[in-house]
Amino acid sequence: MCRRDDIGERHVERLLLAVAIMSRSTRELDTGYRQALYDLSKVPSYWMFDPARRSLTVRELVDGEYAERTVVGDDVFEATVPFSVRVVPAELVSRSGG
């Protein structure tokens, strides 16, 4: 996610939020390469949702360092940056086994 003004001719100048929906095939990429790239670029927020574990791991840049926390199942994550939103991981997965 970015602001319209941050979109250049060939790429996004400043990313505000990156969100990954993890799977067995992307887990290493999401938690390794992409996380390192976003850390290096100082992306303010990086969220990794794991449907199989019904978990959301949130990495937020605070005073130049990343703070990380994970909410699971019916736990609630209340974001304020880059916008206000309430996320409950269990509500993002269908009850029919998805």
N, C-alpha and C. Protein backbone atom coordinates (compact mmCIF):
# COMPACT_ATOMS: atom_id res chain seq x y z
N MET A 1 0.83 -1.15 0.00
CA MET A 1 0.00 0.00 0.00
C MET A 1 0.89 1.23 0.00
N CYS A 2 0.48 2.22 -0.77
CA CYS A 2 1.24 3.46 -0.83
C CYS A 2 0.29 4.62 -1.11
N ARG A 3 0.80 5.81 -0.96
CA ARG A 3 0.04 7.00 -1.33
C ARG A 3 0.18 7.20 -2.84
N ARG A 4 -0.83 7.75 -3.43
CA ARG A 4 -0.82 8.00 -4.87
C ARG A 4 0.41 8.83 -5.28
N ASP A 5 0.78 9.80 -4.45
CA ASP A 5 1.92 10.66 -4.76
C ASP A 5 3.25 9.92 -4.73
N ASP A 6 3.28 8.74 -4.13
CA ASP A 6 4.52 7.97 -4.02
C ASP A 6 4.72 7.00 -5.18
N ILE A 7 3.84 7.04 -6.17
CA ILE A 7 3.98 6.17 -7.33
C ILE A 7 4.75 6.92 -8.41
N GLY A 8 5.94 6.37 -8.72
CA GLY A 8 6.76 6.97 -9.76
C GLY A 8 6.41 6.39 -11.12
N GLU A 9 7.15 6.78 -12.12
CA GLU A 9 6.89 6.28 -13.47
C GLU A 9 7.15 4.78 -13.58
N ARG A 10 8.15 4.29 -12.86
CA ARG A 10 8.54 2.89 -13.00
C ARG A 10 8.39 2.06 -11.73
N HIS A 11 8.23 2.71 -10.60
CA HIS A 11 8.12 1.97 -9.34
C HIS A 11 7.51 2.85 -8.25
N VAL A 12 7.20 2.22 -7.13
CA VAL A 12 6.68 2.93 -5.97
C VAL A 12 7.87 3.53 -5.22
N GLU A 13 7.78 4.82 -4.95
CA GLU A 13 8.87 5.51 -4.26
C GLU A 13 8.92 5.18 -2.77
N ARG A 14 7.73 5.04 -2.16
CA ARG A 14 7.67 4.80 -0.72
C ARG A 14 6.48 3.91 -0.41
N LEU A 15 6.76 2.73 0.09
CA LEU A 15 5.72 1.78 0.46
C LEU A 15 5.35 2.01 1.93
N LEU A 16 4.05 2.04 2.23
CA LEU A 16 3.59 2.24 3.61
C LEU A 16 3.30 0.93 4.32
N LEU A 17 2.78 -0.05 3.57
CA LEU A 17 2.38 -1.32 4.14
C LEU A 17 2.54 -2.42 3.11
N ALA A 18 3.15 -3.51 3.51
CA ALA A 18 3.23 -4.71 2.68
C ALA A 18 2.50 -5.81 3.44
N VAL A 19 1.69 -6.59 2.72
CA VAL A 19 0.94 -7.67 3.32
C VAL A 19 1.22 -8.95 2.54
N ALA A 20 1.57 -10.00 3.24
CA ALA A 20 1.82 -11.30 2.61
C ALA A 20 0.81 -12.31 3.15
N ILE A 21 0.23 -13.09 2.24
CA ILE A 21 -0.61 -14.22 2.62
C ILE A 21 0.28 -15.44 2.44
N MET A 22 0.70 -16.02 3.55
CA MET A 22 1.69 -17.10 3.48
C MET A 22 1.05 -18.44 3.17
N SER A 23 1.87 -19.28 2.55
CA SER A 23 1.51 -20.67 2.29
C SER A 23 2.78 -21.49 2.46
N ARG A 24 2.65 -22.79 2.39
CA ARG A 24 3.85 -23.63 2.50
C ARG A 24 4.88 -23.25 1.45
N SER A 25 4.41 -22.91 0.25
CA SER A 25 5.34 -22.63 -0.84
C SER A 25 5.96 -21.24 -0.76
N THR A 26 5.38 -20.31 0.01
CA THR A 26 5.93 -18.95 0.07
C THR A 26 6.51 -18.57 1.43
N ARG A 27 6.36 -19.44 2.43
CA ARG A 27 6.78 -19.11 3.80
C ARG A 27 8.22 -18.61 3.89
N GLU A 28 9.16 -19.35 3.31
CA GLU A 28 10.57 -18.96 3.38
C GLU A 28 10.80 -17.62 2.68
N LEU A 29 10.17 -17.42 1.55
CA LEU A 29 10.30 -16.17 0.80
C LEU A 29 9.74 -15.00 1.61
N ASP A 30 8.56 -15.19 2.21
CA ASP A 30 7.91 -14.12 2.97
C ASP A 30 8.66 -13.74 4.23
N THR A 31 9.20 -14.74 4.93
CA THR A 31 9.88 -14.48 6.20
C THR A 31 11.39 -14.29 6.04
N GLY A 32 11.89 -14.54 4.87
CA GLY A 32 13.32 -14.39 4.61
C GLY A 32 13.62 -13.22 3.69
N TYR A 33 13.62 -13.49 2.40
CA TYR A 33 14.00 -12.49 1.40
C TYR A 33 13.13 -11.24 1.46
N ARG A 34 11.82 -11.41 1.42
CA ARG A 34 10.93 -10.23 1.40
C ARG A 34 11.05 -9.43 2.70
N GLN A 35 11.10 -10.12 3.83
CA GLN A 35 11.24 -9.41 5.09
C GLN A 35 12.55 -8.62 5.12
N ALA A 36 13.63 -9.21 4.66
CA ALA A 36 14.92 -8.51 4.63
C ALA A 36 14.86 -7.30 3.69
N LEU A 37 14.21 -7.47 2.55
CA LEU A 37 14.07 -6.37 1.59
C LEU A 37 13.26 -5.22 2.19
N TYR A 38 12.14 -5.55 2.84
CA TYR A 38 11.32 -4.51 3.45
C TYR A 38 12.04 -3.85 4.63
N ASP A 39 12.80 -4.64 5.40
CA ASP A 39 13.59 -4.06 6.49
C ASP A 39 14.62 -3.08 5.95
N LEU A 40 15.33 -3.48 4.91
CA LEU A 40 16.35 -2.64 4.30
C LEU A 40 15.73 -1.35 3.75
N SER A 41 14.54 -1.47 3.20
CA SER A 41 13.84 -0.31 2.61
C SER A 41 13.12 0.52 3.66
N LYS A 42 13.10 0.06 4.90
CA LYS A 42 12.43 0.75 6.01
C LYS A 42 10.93 0.93 5.75
N VAL A 43 10.30 -0.14 5.23
CA VAL A 43 8.84 -0.13 5.06
C VAL A 43 8.24 -0.05 6.45
N PRO A 44 7.37 0.93 6.72
CA PRO A 44 6.87 1.13 8.07
C PRO A 44 6.11 -0.06 8.67
N SER A 45 5.38 -0.81 7.84
CA SER A 45 4.60 -1.94 8.35
C SER A 45 4.64 -3.11 7.37
N TYR A 46 4.83 -4.31 7.91
CA TYR A 46 4.81 -5.54 7.11
C TYR A 46 3.99 -6.55 7.88
N TRP A 47 2.89 -7.00 7.27
CA TRP A 47 2.01 -7.97 7.90
C TRP A 47 2.11 -9.29 7.17
N MET A 48 2.23 -10.38 7.91
CA MET A 48 2.27 -11.71 7.33
C MET A 48 1.13 -12.54 7.91
N PHE A 49 0.17 -12.87 7.08
CA PHE A 49 -0.98 -13.66 7.51
C PHE A 49 -0.77 -15.11 7.11
N ASP A 50 -0.91 -16.01 8.08
CA ASP A 50 -0.75 -17.44 7.83
C ASP A 50 -2.11 -18.11 8.05
N PRO A 51 -2.84 -18.40 6.96
CA PRO A 51 -4.17 -19.01 7.09
C PRO A 51 -4.14 -20.36 7.81
N ALA A 52 -3.12 -21.15 7.57
CA ALA A 52 -3.04 -22.48 8.19
C ALA A 52 -2.93 -22.38 9.70
N ARG A 53 -2.22 -21.39 10.18
CA ARG A 53 -2.04 -21.19 11.62
C ARG A 53 -3.02 -20.17 12.20
N ARG A 54 -3.79 -19.56 11.32
CA ARG A 54 -4.72 -18.49 11.72
C ARG A 54 -4.00 -17.46 12.57
N SER A 55 -2.87 -17.00 12.02
CA SER A 55 -2.04 -16.04 12.75
C SER A 55 -1.67 -14.86 11.85
N LEU A 56 -1.47 -13.73 12.50
CA LEU A 56 -1.01 -12.52 11.82
C LEU A 56 0.22 -12.03 12.55
N THR A 57 1.34 -11.99 11.85
CA THR A 57 2.56 -11.43 12.42
C THR A 57 2.72 -10.03 11.85
N VAL A 58 2.90 -9.08 12.75
CA VAL A 58 2.98 -7.67 12.38
C VAL A 58 4.36 -7.15 12.75
N ARG A 59 5.03 -6.55 11.76
CA ARG A 59 6.32 -5.90 12.00
C ARG A 59 6.13 -4.42 11.73
N GLU A 60 6.40 -3.59 12.75
CA GLU A 60 6.22 -2.15 12.60
C GLU A 60 7.51 -1.43 12.99
N LEU A 61 7.86 -0.46 12.18
CA LEU A 61 9.05 0.34 12.43
C LEU A 61 8.76 1.35 13.54
N VAL A 62 9.51 1.23 14.64
CA VAL A 62 9.35 2.11 15.79
C VAL A 62 10.72 2.66 16.17
N ASP A 63 10.90 3.95 16.05
CA ASP A 63 12.18 4.59 16.38
C ASP A 63 13.36 3.93 15.67
N GLY A 64 13.16 3.59 14.40
CA GLY A 64 14.24 3.04 13.59
C GLY A 64 14.47 1.55 13.73
N GLU A 65 13.73 0.89 14.60
CA GLU A 65 13.86 -0.56 14.81
C GLU A 65 12.50 -1.21 14.62
N TYR A 66 12.51 -2.48 14.22
CA TYR A 66 11.25 -3.18 14.04
C TYR A 66 10.79 -3.85 15.33
N ALA A 67 9.54 -3.62 15.64
CA ALA A 67 8.87 -4.32 16.74
C ALA A 67 7.99 -5.36 16.08
N GLU A 68 8.00 -6.57 16.59
CA GLU A 68 7.22 -7.65 15.99
C GLU A 68 6.30 -8.26 17.02
N ARG A 69 5.09 -8.54 16.59
CA ARG A 69 4.17 -9.27 17.46
C ARG A 69 3.28 -10.13 16.59
N THR A 70 2.77 -11.18 17.20
CA THR A 70 1.91 -12.12 16.48
C THR A 70 0.62 -12.26 17.26
N VAL A 71 -0.49 -12.19 16.52
CA VAL A 71 -1.81 -12.45 17.11
C VAL A 71 -2.34 -13.71 16.45
N VAL A 72 -3.02 -14.53 17.24
CA VAL A 72 -3.44 -15.85 16.78
C VAL A 72 -4.93 -16.06 17.07
N GLY A 73 -5.59 -16.75 16.14
CA GLY A 73 -6.98 -17.15 16.36
C GLY A 73 -7.91 -15.98 16.56
N ASP A 74 -8.56 -15.94 17.72
CA ASP A 74 -9.53 -14.89 18.02
C ASP A 74 -8.92 -13.66 18.68
N ASP A 75 -7.58 -13.65 18.82
CA ASP A 75 -6.92 -12.45 19.34
C ASP A 75 -7.15 -11.31 18.36
N VAL A 76 -7.12 -10.09 18.86
CA VAL A 76 -7.40 -8.91 18.04
C VAL A 76 -6.14 -8.08 17.84
N PHE A 77 -5.91 -7.66 16.60
CA PHE A 77 -4.86 -6.69 16.29
C PHE A 77 -5.56 -5.41 15.87
N GLU A 78 -5.24 -4.32 16.54
CA GLU A 78 -5.81 -3.01 16.22
C GLU A 78 -4.70 -2.14 15.66
N ALA A 79 -4.71 -1.95 14.35
CA ALA A 79 -3.71 -1.13 13.70
C ALA A 79 -4.10 0.34 13.77
N THR A 80 -3.09 1.17 13.88
CA THR A 80 -3.29 2.62 13.77
C THR A 80 -2.48 3.19 12.63
N VAL A 81 -1.49 2.42 12.19
CA VAL A 81 -0.60 2.86 11.11
C VAL A 81 -0.59 1.79 10.03
N PRO A 82 -0.72 2.07 8.78
CA PRO A 82 -0.91 3.39 8.17
C PRO A 82 -2.37 3.85 8.18
N PHE A 83 -3.25 3.04 8.76
CA PHE A 83 -4.66 3.41 8.89
C PHE A 83 -5.24 2.61 10.05
N SER A 84 -6.40 2.99 10.50
CA SER A 84 -7.05 2.27 11.59
C SER A 84 -7.84 1.10 11.04
N VAL A 85 -7.56 -0.08 11.59
CA VAL A 85 -8.30 -1.28 11.19
C VAL A 85 -8.17 -2.31 12.32
N ARG A 86 -9.20 -3.10 12.47
CA ARG A 86 -9.21 -4.17 13.46
C ARG A 86 -9.14 -5.50 12.70
N VAL A 87 -8.19 -6.35 13.07
CA VAL A 87 -8.01 -7.63 12.40
C VAL A 87 -8.06 -8.76 13.43
N VAL A 88 -8.89 -9.75 13.13
CA VAL A 88 -8.97 -10.98 13.94
C VAL A 88 -8.62 -12.13 12.99
N PRO A 89 -7.44 -12.72 13.14
CA PRO A 89 -7.01 -13.75 12.17
C PRO A 89 -8.02 -14.85 11.89
N ALA A 90 -8.69 -15.36 12.92
CA ALA A 90 -9.65 -16.45 12.73
C ALA A 90 -10.81 -16.03 11.82
N GLU A 91 -11.14 -14.74 11.82
CA GLU A 91 -12.24 -14.25 10.98
C GLU A 91 -11.86 -14.14 9.51
N LEU A 92 -10.57 -14.25 9.21
CA LEU A 92 -10.10 -14.16 7.82
C LEU A 92 -10.11 -15.50 7.11
N VAL A 93 -10.39 -16.56 7.86
CA VAL A 93 -10.36 -17.92 7.31
C VAL A 93 -11.77 -18.50 7.41
N SER A 94 -12.20 -19.15 6.34
CA SER A 94 -13.55 -19.70 6.36
C SER A 94 -13.67 -20.81 7.40
N ARG A 95 -14.82 -20.94 7.96
CA ARG A 95 -15.07 -21.97 8.97
C ARG A 95 -15.17 -23.37 8.37
N SER A 96 -15.24 -23.46 7.06
CA SER A 96 -15.39 -24.76 6.40
C SER A 96 -14.04 -25.42 6.14
N GLY A 97 -13.00 -24.96 6.86
CA GLY A 97 -11.71 -25.63 6.76
C GLY A 97 -10.69 -24.90 5.94
N GLY A 98 -10.98 -23.65 5.47
CA GLY A 98 -10.11 -22.89 4.59
C GLY A 98 -8.91 -22.36 5.19
